[in-house]
Amino acid sequence: MFFSFIFLIKISLKERITNTFFYFLFLKNIEGK
């Protein structure tokens, strides 16, 4: 159970970083236009 908890945290952290990255690209695209 403890390991699955760590696994969930890692997944959510990875998703958060990916979402922030795509959001940043999205903002750059808007500014470019």
N, C-alpha and C. Protein backbone atom coordinates (compact mmCIF):
# COMPACT_ATOMS: atom_id res chain seq x y z
N MET A 1 0.84 -1.20 0.00
CA MET A 1 0.00 0.00 0.00
C MET A 1 0.88 1.26 0.00
N PHE A 2 1.93 1.23 0.80
CA PHE A 2 2.81 2.41 0.87
C PHE A 2 3.46 2.69 -0.48
N PHE A 3 3.88 1.61 -1.16
CA PHE A 3 4.54 1.78 -2.45
C PHE A 3 3.57 2.33 -3.50
N SER A 4 2.35 1.87 -3.46
CA SER A 4 1.36 2.36 -4.43
C SER A 4 1.08 3.85 -4.17
N PHE A 5 1.17 4.27 -2.91
CA PHE A 5 0.96 5.68 -2.57
C PHE A 5 2.06 6.53 -3.19
N ILE A 6 3.31 6.06 -3.07
CA ILE A 6 4.45 6.77 -3.68
C ILE A 6 4.28 6.81 -5.20
N PHE A 7 3.82 5.69 -5.75
CA PHE A 7 3.62 5.60 -7.20
C PHE A 7 2.60 6.64 -7.65
N LEU A 8 1.50 6.78 -6.90
CA LEU A 8 0.48 7.77 -7.24
C LEU A 8 1.03 9.18 -7.18
N ILE A 9 1.84 9.46 -6.18
CA ILE A 9 2.43 10.81 -6.05
C ILE A 9 3.34 11.09 -7.24
N LYS A 10 4.14 10.09 -7.61
CA LYS A 10 5.04 10.27 -8.76
C LYS A 10 4.24 10.56 -10.02
N ILE A 11 3.16 9.80 -10.23
CA ILE A 11 2.32 9.98 -11.43
C ILE A 11 1.72 11.39 -11.45
N SER A 12 1.14 11.81 -10.34
CA SER A 12 0.50 13.12 -10.29
C SER A 12 1.54 14.22 -10.50
N LEU A 13 2.73 14.04 -9.97
CA LEU A 13 3.78 15.04 -10.13
C LEU A 13 4.18 15.13 -11.60
N LYS A 14 4.31 13.97 -12.24
CA LYS A 14 4.67 13.94 -13.66
C LYS A 14 3.59 14.63 -14.48
N GLU A 15 2.32 14.35 -14.16
CA GLU A 15 1.22 14.96 -14.91
C GLU A 15 1.21 16.47 -14.72
N ARG A 16 1.46 16.90 -13.48
CA ARG A 16 1.45 18.33 -13.20
C ARG A 16 2.52 19.05 -14.00
N ILE A 17 3.72 18.45 -14.06
CA ILE A 17 4.82 19.06 -14.82
C ILE A 17 4.47 19.11 -16.31
N THR A 18 3.89 18.02 -16.81
CA THR A 18 3.52 17.97 -18.23
C THR A 18 2.45 19.01 -18.54
N ASN A 19 1.44 19.11 -17.67
CA ASN A 19 0.37 20.08 -17.89
C ASN A 19 0.92 21.49 -17.87
N THR A 20 1.82 21.79 -16.94
CA THR A 20 2.41 23.13 -16.87
C THR A 20 3.20 23.42 -18.13
N PHE A 21 3.91 22.41 -18.63
CA PHE A 21 4.72 22.59 -19.84
C PHE A 21 3.83 22.91 -21.04
N PHE A 22 2.74 22.14 -21.21
CA PHE A 22 1.84 22.38 -22.34
C PHE A 22 1.12 23.72 -22.19
N TYR A 23 0.79 24.10 -20.96
CA TYR A 23 0.15 25.39 -20.72
C TYR A 23 1.09 26.52 -21.12
N PHE A 24 2.38 26.34 -20.80
CA PHE A 24 3.39 27.34 -21.15
C PHE A 24 3.49 27.47 -22.67
N LEU A 25 3.50 26.32 -23.37
CA LEU A 25 3.56 26.35 -24.84
C LEU A 25 2.32 27.05 -25.39
N PHE A 26 1.17 26.77 -24.79
CA PHE A 26 -0.10 27.36 -25.21
C PHE A 26 -0.04 28.89 -25.10
N LEU A 27 0.49 29.38 -23.97
CA LEU A 27 0.60 30.83 -23.77
C LEU A 27 1.56 31.44 -24.78
N LYS A 28 2.67 30.74 -25.06
CA LYS A 28 3.65 31.26 -26.02
C LYS A 28 3.02 31.36 -27.41
N ASN A 29 2.19 30.39 -27.77
CA ASN A 29 1.52 30.41 -29.08
C ASN A 29 0.60 31.61 -29.19
N ILE A 30 -0.13 31.90 -28.11
CA ILE A 30 -1.06 33.03 -28.12
C ILE A 30 -0.28 34.34 -28.26
N GLU A 31 0.83 34.46 -27.54
CA GLU A 31 1.63 35.69 -27.61
C GLU A 31 2.26 35.84 -28.99
N GLY A 32 2.61 34.70 -29.62
CA GLY A 32 3.23 34.75 -30.95
C GLY A 32 2.29 35.33 -31.99
N LYS A 33 0.98 35.09 -31.83
CA LYS A 33 -0.01 35.61 -32.77
C LYS A 33 -0.38 37.03 -32.38
